[in-house]
């Protein structure tokens, strides 16, 4: 019973997040400088094998090299670029960069216990926008900083610039 309730809440949360993203992105595009409404497209994340998922879940801190709590996001479009920034010692999983783009980022949080519930990547003609939907999974601890990492593999992206929005659910 608990497991079913948790699954229903997760699905409801995902649907709510997607609807909110579409509404927000529609309102953003309506404010373009030429008053032309640009269509928004949700870009679906590519499903990965458990090995690939486990690699990125454990190695993101070795892809984004920063000792500070600066928010950052990297769009990786080639194996050479990936090899040049990865500082770990694990075997890098194969990604066909002629078809796919890897997005890896970190968000500084002011307490422990946060997790990403959902992430939605959208584009229009001019820009890429990622919405991260986060929630607290444990009791929050004041004054304890953490880095929240996220990643995803997407169909080939042409833009090198990504706008990140964070929503606390």
N, C-alpha and C. Protein backbone atom coordinates (compact mmCIF):
# COMPACT_ATOMS: atom_id res chain seq x y z
N UNK A 1 0.83 -1.19 0.00
CA UNK A 1 0.00 0.00 0.00
C UNK A 1 0.87 1.25 0.00
N UNK A 2 1.90 1.28 0.87
CA UNK A 2 2.80 2.43 0.94
C UNK A 2 3.52 2.64 -0.38
N UNK A 3 3.96 1.54 -0.98
CA UNK A 3 4.68 1.61 -2.26
C UNK A 3 3.79 2.18 -3.36
N UNK A 4 2.51 1.76 -3.40
CA UNK A 4 1.57 2.26 -4.40
C UNK A 4 1.32 3.76 -4.19
N UNK A 5 1.15 4.18 -2.94
CA UNK A 5 0.94 5.60 -2.65
C UNK A 5 2.14 6.43 -3.08
N UNK A 6 3.32 5.91 -2.82
CA UNK A 6 4.54 6.61 -3.19
C UNK A 6 4.64 6.75 -4.71
N UNK A 7 4.28 5.70 -5.45
CA UNK A 7 4.32 5.74 -6.91
C UNK A 7 3.29 6.74 -7.45
N UNK A 8 2.11 6.77 -6.87
CA UNK A 8 1.07 7.70 -7.31
C UNK A 8 1.53 9.13 -7.05
N UNK A 9 2.13 9.38 -5.88
CA UNK A 9 2.63 10.72 -5.56
C UNK A 9 3.73 11.12 -6.53
N UNK A 10 4.61 10.18 -6.88
CA UNK A 10 5.71 10.48 -7.80
C UNK A 10 5.17 10.83 -9.18
N UNK A 11 4.18 10.05 -9.68
CA UNK A 11 3.57 10.34 -10.98
C UNK A 11 2.85 11.69 -10.97
N UNK A 12 2.12 11.97 -9.91
CA UNK A 12 1.41 13.24 -9.78
C UNK A 12 2.41 14.39 -9.76
N UNK A 13 3.48 14.22 -9.02
CA UNK A 13 4.53 15.24 -8.93
C UNK A 13 5.15 15.49 -10.30
N UNK A 14 5.41 14.43 -11.05
CA UNK A 14 6.00 14.58 -12.38
C UNK A 14 5.05 15.30 -13.33
N UNK A 15 3.78 14.91 -13.33
CA UNK A 15 2.79 15.58 -14.19
C UNK A 15 2.66 17.05 -13.82
N UNK A 16 2.63 17.35 -12.53
CA UNK A 16 2.53 18.73 -12.09
C UNK A 16 3.75 19.52 -12.55
N UNK A 17 4.94 18.93 -12.41
CA UNK A 17 6.18 19.60 -12.81
C UNK A 17 6.18 19.87 -14.31
N UNK A 18 5.76 18.92 -15.11
CA UNK A 18 5.73 19.11 -16.56
C UNK A 18 4.72 20.19 -16.95
N UNK A 19 3.56 20.19 -16.32
CA UNK A 19 2.56 21.21 -16.62
C UNK A 19 3.06 22.59 -16.23
N UNK A 20 3.70 22.69 -15.07
CA UNK A 20 4.25 23.96 -14.62
C UNK A 20 5.33 24.45 -15.56
N UNK A 21 6.19 23.56 -16.02
CA UNK A 21 7.25 23.94 -16.95
C UNK A 21 6.68 24.47 -18.26
N UNK A 22 5.68 23.81 -18.77
CA UNK A 22 5.06 24.26 -20.03
C UNK A 22 4.43 25.63 -19.85
N UNK A 23 3.75 25.85 -18.74
CA UNK A 23 3.12 27.15 -18.49
C UNK A 23 4.18 28.23 -18.35
N UNK A 24 5.23 27.95 -17.57
CA UNK A 24 6.29 28.94 -17.39
C UNK A 24 7.01 29.25 -18.68
N UNK A 25 7.33 28.22 -19.44
CA UNK A 25 8.05 28.43 -20.68
C UNK A 25 7.18 29.14 -21.71
N UNK A 26 5.92 28.87 -21.72
CA UNK A 26 5.02 29.57 -22.63
C UNK A 26 4.97 31.05 -22.30
N UNK A 27 4.95 31.37 -21.01
CA UNK A 27 4.92 32.78 -20.63
C UNK A 27 6.24 33.46 -20.95
N UNK A 28 7.37 32.74 -20.84
CA UNK A 28 8.66 33.31 -21.20
C UNK A 28 8.72 33.62 -22.69
N UNK A 29 8.26 32.70 -23.50
CA UNK A 29 8.34 32.92 -24.94
C UNK A 29 7.41 34.04 -25.39
N UNK A 30 6.36 34.28 -24.67
CA UNK A 30 5.44 35.35 -25.03
C UNK A 30 6.07 36.72 -24.81
N UNK A 31 7.18 36.78 -24.09
CA UNK A 31 7.84 38.04 -23.80
C UNK A 31 9.04 38.26 -24.70
N UNK A 32 9.14 37.62 -25.81
CA UNK A 32 10.29 37.80 -26.69
C UNK A 32 10.29 39.21 -27.25
N UNK A 33 11.46 39.66 -27.67
CA UNK A 33 11.63 41.04 -28.08
C UNK A 33 10.80 41.40 -29.30
N UNK A 34 10.51 40.47 -30.17
CA UNK A 34 9.74 40.80 -31.36
C UNK A 34 8.26 40.43 -31.21
N UNK A 35 7.84 40.15 -29.99
CA UNK A 35 6.46 39.81 -29.66
C UNK A 35 5.92 38.59 -30.42
N UNK A 36 6.81 37.80 -30.98
CA UNK A 36 6.40 36.58 -31.66
C UNK A 36 6.45 35.44 -30.65
N UNK A 37 5.41 34.66 -30.56
CA UNK A 37 5.40 33.53 -29.63
C UNK A 37 6.16 32.38 -30.28
N UNK A 38 7.22 31.96 -29.60
CA UNK A 38 8.05 30.88 -30.12
C UNK A 38 7.58 29.56 -29.53
N UNK A 39 7.46 28.54 -30.35
CA UNK A 39 7.01 27.24 -29.81
C UNK A 39 8.09 26.62 -28.92
N UNK A 40 7.66 26.00 -27.84
CA UNK A 40 8.55 25.31 -26.92
C UNK A 40 8.50 23.82 -27.21
N UNK A 41 9.63 23.17 -27.11
CA UNK A 41 9.70 21.73 -27.32
C UNK A 41 10.34 21.09 -26.10
N UNK A 42 9.69 20.09 -25.53
CA UNK A 42 10.30 19.33 -24.45
C UNK A 42 11.21 18.29 -25.08
N UNK A 43 12.45 18.26 -24.61
CA UNK A 43 13.44 17.32 -25.12
C UNK A 43 13.54 16.17 -24.13
N UNK A 44 13.17 14.99 -24.56
CA UNK A 44 13.17 13.83 -23.67
C UNK A 44 14.57 13.31 -23.42
N UNK A 45 14.81 12.98 -22.17
CA UNK A 45 16.08 12.38 -21.77
C UNK A 45 16.14 10.96 -22.30
N UNK A 46 17.32 10.54 -22.73
CA UNK A 46 17.53 9.18 -23.23
C UNK A 46 17.65 8.23 -22.04
N UNK A 47 16.91 7.14 -22.08
CA UNK A 47 17.02 6.12 -21.03
C UNK A 47 18.38 5.43 -21.14
N UNK A 48 19.03 5.24 -20.01
CA UNK A 48 20.37 4.64 -19.99
C UNK A 48 20.34 3.32 -19.25
N UNK A 49 21.34 2.51 -19.52
CA UNK A 49 21.48 1.25 -18.80
C UNK A 49 21.83 1.54 -17.34
N UNK A 50 21.66 0.55 -16.48
CA UNK A 50 21.99 0.70 -15.06
C UNK A 50 23.46 1.04 -14.86
N UNK A 51 24.34 0.47 -15.69
CA UNK A 51 25.78 0.76 -15.57
C UNK A 51 26.07 2.23 -15.84
N UNK A 52 25.47 2.78 -16.88
CA UNK A 52 25.68 4.19 -17.23
C UNK A 52 25.10 5.08 -16.13
N UNK A 53 23.90 4.76 -15.68
CA UNK A 53 23.26 5.53 -14.61
C UNK A 53 24.11 5.51 -13.35
N UNK A 54 24.60 4.34 -12.98
CA UNK A 54 25.43 4.22 -11.78
C UNK A 54 26.72 5.02 -11.94
N UNK A 55 27.33 4.97 -13.12
CA UNK A 55 28.56 5.73 -13.35
C UNK A 55 28.33 7.22 -13.08
N UNK A 56 27.30 7.80 -13.71
CA UNK A 56 27.07 9.24 -13.55
C UNK A 56 26.58 9.59 -12.15
N UNK A 57 25.78 8.74 -11.54
CA UNK A 57 25.33 9.01 -10.18
C UNK A 57 26.51 9.07 -9.21
N UNK A 58 27.56 8.31 -9.50
CA UNK A 58 28.71 8.26 -8.60
C UNK A 58 29.88 9.15 -9.02
N UNK A 59 29.93 9.58 -10.27
CA UNK A 59 31.12 10.26 -10.78
C UNK A 59 30.92 11.73 -11.17
N UNK A 60 29.74 12.29 -10.97
CA UNK A 60 29.50 13.68 -11.39
C UNK A 60 30.48 14.65 -10.74
N UNK A 61 30.87 14.38 -9.51
CA UNK A 61 31.81 15.29 -8.84
C UNK A 61 33.20 15.25 -9.47
N UNK A 62 33.47 14.28 -10.32
CA UNK A 62 34.75 14.19 -11.01
C UNK A 62 34.67 14.72 -12.44
N UNK A 63 33.48 15.16 -12.83
CA UNK A 63 33.28 15.77 -14.14
C UNK A 63 33.28 17.29 -13.98
N UNK A 64 32.57 17.76 -12.99
CA UNK A 64 32.56 19.20 -12.70
C UNK A 64 33.62 19.42 -11.63
N UNK A 65 34.73 20.01 -12.05
CA UNK A 65 35.87 20.19 -11.14
C UNK A 65 35.83 21.58 -10.53
N UNK A 66 35.27 21.67 -9.36
CA UNK A 66 35.29 22.94 -8.64
C UNK A 66 35.30 22.65 -7.15
N UNK A 67 36.15 23.36 -6.45
CA UNK A 67 36.21 23.23 -5.00
C UNK A 67 35.29 24.24 -4.33
N UNK A 68 34.65 25.06 -5.12
CA UNK A 68 33.78 26.08 -4.56
C UNK A 68 32.33 25.66 -4.74
N UNK A 69 31.47 26.43 -4.13
CA UNK A 69 30.04 26.15 -4.24
C UNK A 69 29.41 27.06 -5.29
N UNK A 70 30.01 27.09 -6.45
CA UNK A 70 29.49 27.87 -7.57
C UNK A 70 28.62 26.95 -8.42
N UNK A 71 27.42 27.40 -8.74
CA UNK A 71 26.54 26.62 -9.60
C UNK A 71 27.13 26.57 -11.01
N UNK A 72 27.11 25.40 -11.62
CA UNK A 72 27.65 25.30 -12.97
C UNK A 72 26.97 24.17 -13.71
N UNK A 73 27.06 24.25 -15.03
CA UNK A 73 26.49 23.25 -15.90
C UNK A 73 27.37 23.14 -17.13
N UNK A 74 27.63 21.92 -17.56
CA UNK A 74 28.49 21.69 -18.72
C UNK A 74 27.68 20.90 -19.75
N UNK A 75 27.74 21.37 -20.99
CA UNK A 75 27.14 20.65 -22.11
C UNK A 75 28.29 19.99 -22.86
N UNK A 76 28.29 18.66 -22.92
CA UNK A 76 29.39 17.89 -23.51
C UNK A 76 28.91 17.27 -24.82
N UNK A 77 29.60 17.62 -25.90
CA UNK A 77 29.20 17.16 -27.23
C UNK A 77 30.23 16.29 -27.92
N UNK A 78 31.28 15.86 -27.22
CA UNK A 78 32.28 15.00 -27.85
C UNK A 78 32.99 14.15 -26.80
N UNK A 79 33.49 13.00 -27.24
CA UNK A 79 34.25 12.12 -26.34
C UNK A 79 35.53 12.82 -25.90
N UNK A 80 36.15 13.58 -26.80
CA UNK A 80 37.38 14.29 -26.46
C UNK A 80 37.13 15.29 -25.34
N UNK A 81 36.04 16.03 -25.44
CA UNK A 81 35.69 17.00 -24.41
C UNK A 81 35.44 16.28 -23.09
N UNK A 82 34.71 15.18 -23.12
CA UNK A 82 34.41 14.41 -21.92
C UNK A 82 35.70 13.88 -21.29
N UNK A 83 36.58 13.28 -22.09
CA UNK A 83 37.84 12.75 -21.57
C UNK A 83 38.71 13.84 -20.97
N UNK A 84 38.68 15.04 -21.53
CA UNK A 84 39.54 16.12 -21.05
C UNK A 84 39.09 16.68 -19.70
N UNK A 85 37.82 16.53 -19.34
CA UNK A 85 37.37 17.09 -18.07
C UNK A 85 37.13 16.05 -16.97
N UNK A 86 37.03 14.78 -17.32
CA UNK A 86 36.79 13.74 -16.32
C UNK A 86 38.07 13.44 -15.56
N UNK A 87 38.03 13.54 -14.23
CA UNK A 87 39.23 13.34 -13.42
C UNK A 87 39.21 12.04 -12.62
N UNK A 88 38.23 11.20 -12.83
CA UNK A 88 38.14 9.94 -12.08
C UNK A 88 38.98 8.86 -12.71
N UNK A 89 38.94 7.68 -12.10
CA UNK A 89 39.72 6.55 -12.60
C UNK A 89 38.87 5.40 -13.13
N UNK A 90 37.57 5.61 -13.19
CA UNK A 90 36.67 4.58 -13.72
C UNK A 90 36.63 4.65 -15.25
N UNK A 91 36.27 3.54 -15.86
CA UNK A 91 36.10 3.49 -17.31
C UNK A 91 34.89 4.35 -17.70
N UNK A 92 35.09 5.27 -18.62
CA UNK A 92 34.01 6.14 -19.08
C UNK A 92 33.07 5.32 -19.97
N UNK A 93 31.76 5.42 -19.73
CA UNK A 93 30.83 4.66 -20.57
C UNK A 93 30.80 5.24 -21.99
N UNK A 94 30.50 4.39 -22.94
CA UNK A 94 30.42 4.82 -24.33
C UNK A 94 29.15 5.63 -24.54
N UNK A 95 29.30 6.79 -25.15
CA UNK A 95 28.17 7.63 -25.57
C UNK A 95 28.43 7.99 -27.02
N UNK A 96 27.46 7.78 -27.88
CA UNK A 96 27.60 8.14 -29.29
C UNK A 96 27.33 9.64 -29.42
N UNK A 97 28.42 10.44 -29.34
CA UNK A 97 28.27 11.89 -29.36
C UNK A 97 27.87 12.43 -30.74
N UNK A 98 27.84 11.59 -31.76
CA UNK A 98 27.31 12.06 -33.04
C UNK A 98 25.79 12.16 -32.98
N UNK A 99 25.18 11.45 -32.00
CA UNK A 99 23.72 11.46 -31.85
C UNK A 99 23.25 12.10 -30.54
N UNK A 100 24.12 12.11 -29.53
CA UNK A 100 23.69 12.51 -28.19
C UNK A 100 24.57 13.59 -27.59
N UNK A 101 23.99 14.29 -26.60
CA UNK A 101 24.69 15.30 -25.82
C UNK A 101 24.54 14.93 -24.35
N UNK A 102 25.62 15.11 -23.60
CA UNK A 102 25.62 14.88 -22.16
C UNK A 102 25.55 16.23 -21.46
N UNK A 103 24.62 16.37 -20.52
CA UNK A 103 24.52 17.57 -19.70
C UNK A 103 24.81 17.17 -18.26
N UNK A 104 25.78 17.85 -17.64
CA UNK A 104 26.15 17.58 -16.25
C UNK A 104 26.21 18.91 -15.52
N UNK A 105 25.62 18.95 -14.32
CA UNK A 105 25.63 20.20 -13.57
C UNK A 105 25.67 19.99 -12.08
N UNK A 106 25.90 21.10 -11.38
CA UNK A 106 25.86 21.08 -9.92
C UNK A 106 25.15 22.33 -9.44
N UNK A 107 24.40 22.16 -8.39
CA UNK A 107 23.68 23.26 -7.75
C UNK A 107 24.07 23.26 -6.28
N UNK A 108 24.50 24.40 -5.79
CA UNK A 108 24.85 24.52 -4.37
C UNK A 108 23.58 24.66 -3.54
N UNK A 109 23.52 23.88 -2.49
CA UNK A 109 22.36 23.91 -1.61
C UNK A 109 22.82 24.33 -0.22
N UNK A 110 21.95 25.00 0.52
CA UNK A 110 22.34 25.50 1.83
C UNK A 110 22.08 24.53 2.97
N UNK A 111 21.70 23.30 2.63
CA UNK A 111 21.54 22.27 3.65
C UNK A 111 21.54 20.90 2.97
N UNK A 112 21.79 19.88 3.76
CA UNK A 112 21.78 18.51 3.25
C UNK A 112 20.35 18.00 3.12
N UNK A 113 20.18 16.93 2.36
CA UNK A 113 18.89 16.26 2.31
C UNK A 113 18.07 16.54 1.07
N UNK A 114 18.59 17.28 0.10
CA UNK A 114 17.84 17.60 -1.11
C UNK A 114 18.07 16.52 -2.17
N UNK A 115 17.05 16.31 -2.99
CA UNK A 115 17.15 15.38 -4.11
C UNK A 115 16.34 15.93 -5.28
N UNK A 116 16.74 15.54 -6.47
CA UNK A 116 16.01 15.96 -7.67
C UNK A 116 14.87 14.98 -7.92
N UNK A 117 13.65 15.51 -7.98
CA UNK A 117 12.48 14.69 -8.27
C UNK A 117 12.25 14.56 -9.77
N UNK A 118 12.55 15.63 -10.48
CA UNK A 118 12.27 15.64 -11.92
C UNK A 118 13.12 16.72 -12.57
N UNK A 119 13.47 16.51 -13.82
CA UNK A 119 14.14 17.56 -14.59
C UNK A 119 13.54 17.56 -15.99
N UNK A 120 13.30 18.75 -16.49
CA UNK A 120 12.67 18.89 -17.80
C UNK A 120 13.54 19.84 -18.63
N UNK A 121 13.94 19.39 -19.80
CA UNK A 121 14.72 20.20 -20.72
C UNK A 121 13.82 20.63 -21.86
N UNK A 122 13.76 21.94 -22.11
CA UNK A 122 12.94 22.49 -23.18
C UNK A 122 13.80 23.37 -24.06
N UNK A 123 13.35 23.55 -25.29
CA UNK A 123 14.06 24.46 -26.19
C UNK A 123 13.07 25.22 -27.04
N UNK A 124 13.53 26.36 -27.50
CA UNK A 124 12.84 27.06 -28.57
C UNK A 124 13.92 27.39 -29.59
N UNK A 125 13.64 28.24 -30.53
CA UNK A 125 14.63 28.51 -31.57
C UNK A 125 15.91 29.11 -31.03
N UNK A 126 15.85 29.80 -29.89
CA UNK A 126 16.98 30.59 -29.42
C UNK A 126 17.71 30.05 -28.21
N UNK A 127 17.08 29.22 -27.41
CA UNK A 127 17.72 28.84 -26.15
C UNK A 127 17.23 27.50 -25.61
N UNK A 128 18.06 26.95 -24.70
CA UNK A 128 17.71 25.74 -23.96
C UNK A 128 17.42 26.14 -22.53
N UNK A 129 16.41 25.52 -21.93
CA UNK A 129 16.04 25.80 -20.55
C UNK A 129 15.82 24.48 -19.83
N UNK A 130 16.45 24.32 -18.68
CA UNK A 130 16.23 23.13 -17.88
C UNK A 130 15.59 23.54 -16.57
N UNK A 131 14.52 22.85 -16.22
CA UNK A 131 13.85 23.06 -14.94
C UNK A 131 14.15 21.86 -14.07
N UNK A 132 14.71 22.12 -12.89
CA UNK A 132 14.99 21.07 -11.90
C UNK A 132 13.96 21.20 -10.79
N UNK A 133 13.28 20.12 -10.48
CA UNK A 133 12.30 20.09 -9.42
C UNK A 133 12.89 19.29 -8.27
N UNK A 134 13.12 19.97 -7.14
CA UNK A 134 13.81 19.35 -6.02
C UNK A 134 12.90 19.30 -4.81
N UNK A 135 13.21 18.40 -3.90
CA UNK A 135 12.49 18.33 -2.63
C UNK A 135 13.42 17.80 -1.56
N UNK A 136 13.05 18.07 -0.35
CA UNK A 136 13.82 17.61 0.80
C UNK A 136 13.45 16.16 1.10
N UNK A 137 14.45 15.30 1.18
CA UNK A 137 14.22 13.87 1.45
C UNK A 137 14.48 13.51 2.91
N UNK A 138 15.15 14.39 3.62
CA UNK A 138 15.42 14.15 5.03
C UNK A 138 15.21 15.46 5.78
N UNK A 139 15.37 15.40 7.09
CA UNK A 139 15.30 16.63 7.87
C UNK A 139 16.46 17.53 7.45
N UNK A 140 16.16 18.77 7.14
CA UNK A 140 17.20 19.70 6.70
C UNK A 140 18.06 20.15 7.87
N UNK A 141 19.34 20.30 7.60
CA UNK A 141 20.29 20.72 8.62
C UNK A 141 20.77 22.12 8.28
N UNK A 142 20.59 23.04 9.21
CA UNK A 142 20.99 24.43 8.96
C UNK A 142 22.50 24.53 8.82
N UNK A 143 22.94 25.42 7.97
CA UNK A 143 24.34 25.78 7.80
C UNK A 143 25.22 24.62 7.36
N UNK A 144 24.68 23.64 6.71
CA UNK A 144 25.47 22.53 6.18
C UNK A 144 25.32 22.56 4.66
N UNK A 145 26.35 22.98 3.97
CA UNK A 145 26.26 23.14 2.52
C UNK A 145 26.54 21.82 1.81
N UNK A 146 25.91 21.67 0.67
CA UNK A 146 26.14 20.48 -0.14
C UNK A 146 26.05 20.85 -1.61
N UNK A 147 26.58 19.98 -2.45
CA UNK A 147 26.46 20.13 -3.89
C UNK A 147 25.46 19.08 -4.37
N UNK A 148 24.47 19.53 -5.09
CA UNK A 148 23.47 18.65 -5.67
C UNK A 148 23.83 18.49 -7.15
N UNK A 149 24.18 17.28 -7.57
CA UNK A 149 24.59 17.03 -8.95
C UNK A 149 23.42 16.50 -9.77
N UNK A 150 23.42 16.83 -11.05
CA UNK A 150 22.42 16.31 -11.97
C UNK A 150 23.08 16.05 -13.31
N UNK A 151 22.49 15.15 -14.07
CA UNK A 151 23.03 14.80 -15.38
C UNK A 151 21.92 14.23 -16.24
N UNK A 152 22.16 14.19 -17.53
CA UNK A 152 21.23 13.58 -18.45
C UNK A 152 21.86 13.47 -19.83
N UNK A 153 21.43 12.48 -20.57
CA UNK A 153 21.85 12.30 -21.96
C UNK A 153 20.62 12.58 -22.82
N UNK A 154 20.82 13.46 -23.81
CA UNK A 154 19.72 13.94 -24.64
C UNK A 154 20.09 13.79 -26.11
N UNK A 155 19.07 13.82 -26.99
CA UNK A 155 19.39 13.87 -28.42
C UNK A 155 20.31 15.08 -28.66
N UNK A 156 21.12 15.01 -29.67
CA UNK A 156 22.14 16.03 -29.94
C UNK A 156 21.56 17.44 -29.81
N UNK A 157 22.21 18.26 -28.97
CA UNK A 157 21.81 19.65 -28.75
C UNK A 157 22.76 20.57 -29.51
N UNK A 158 22.21 21.58 -30.13
CA UNK A 158 23.06 22.48 -30.91
C UNK A 158 23.56 23.66 -30.09
N UNK A 159 22.89 23.99 -29.01
CA UNK A 159 23.27 25.14 -28.21
C UNK A 159 24.30 24.77 -27.16
N UNK A 160 25.17 25.70 -26.83
CA UNK A 160 26.14 25.52 -25.76
C UNK A 160 25.71 26.25 -24.50
N UNK A 161 24.58 26.96 -24.56
CA UNK A 161 24.12 27.75 -23.43
C UNK A 161 22.81 27.16 -22.89
N UNK A 162 22.74 27.01 -21.58
CA UNK A 162 21.58 26.40 -20.94
C UNK A 162 21.16 27.25 -19.76
N UNK A 163 19.90 27.61 -19.69
CA UNK A 163 19.36 28.36 -18.55
C UNK A 163 18.75 27.34 -17.58
N UNK A 164 19.17 27.41 -16.32
CA UNK A 164 18.71 26.47 -15.30
C UNK A 164 17.76 27.20 -14.34
N UNK A 165 16.62 26.59 -14.07
CA UNK A 165 15.67 27.09 -13.07
C UNK A 165 15.44 25.99 -12.05
N UNK A 166 15.40 26.36 -10.78
CA UNK A 166 15.22 25.40 -9.70
C UNK A 166 13.86 25.68 -9.04
N UNK A 167 13.07 24.62 -8.84
CA UNK A 167 11.77 24.73 -8.20
C UNK A 167 11.75 23.78 -7.00
N UNK A 168 11.47 24.33 -5.82
CA UNK A 168 11.36 23.55 -4.60
C UNK A 168 9.92 23.07 -4.50
N UNK A 169 9.75 21.73 -4.46
CA UNK A 169 8.39 21.18 -4.44
C UNK A 169 7.96 20.84 -3.03
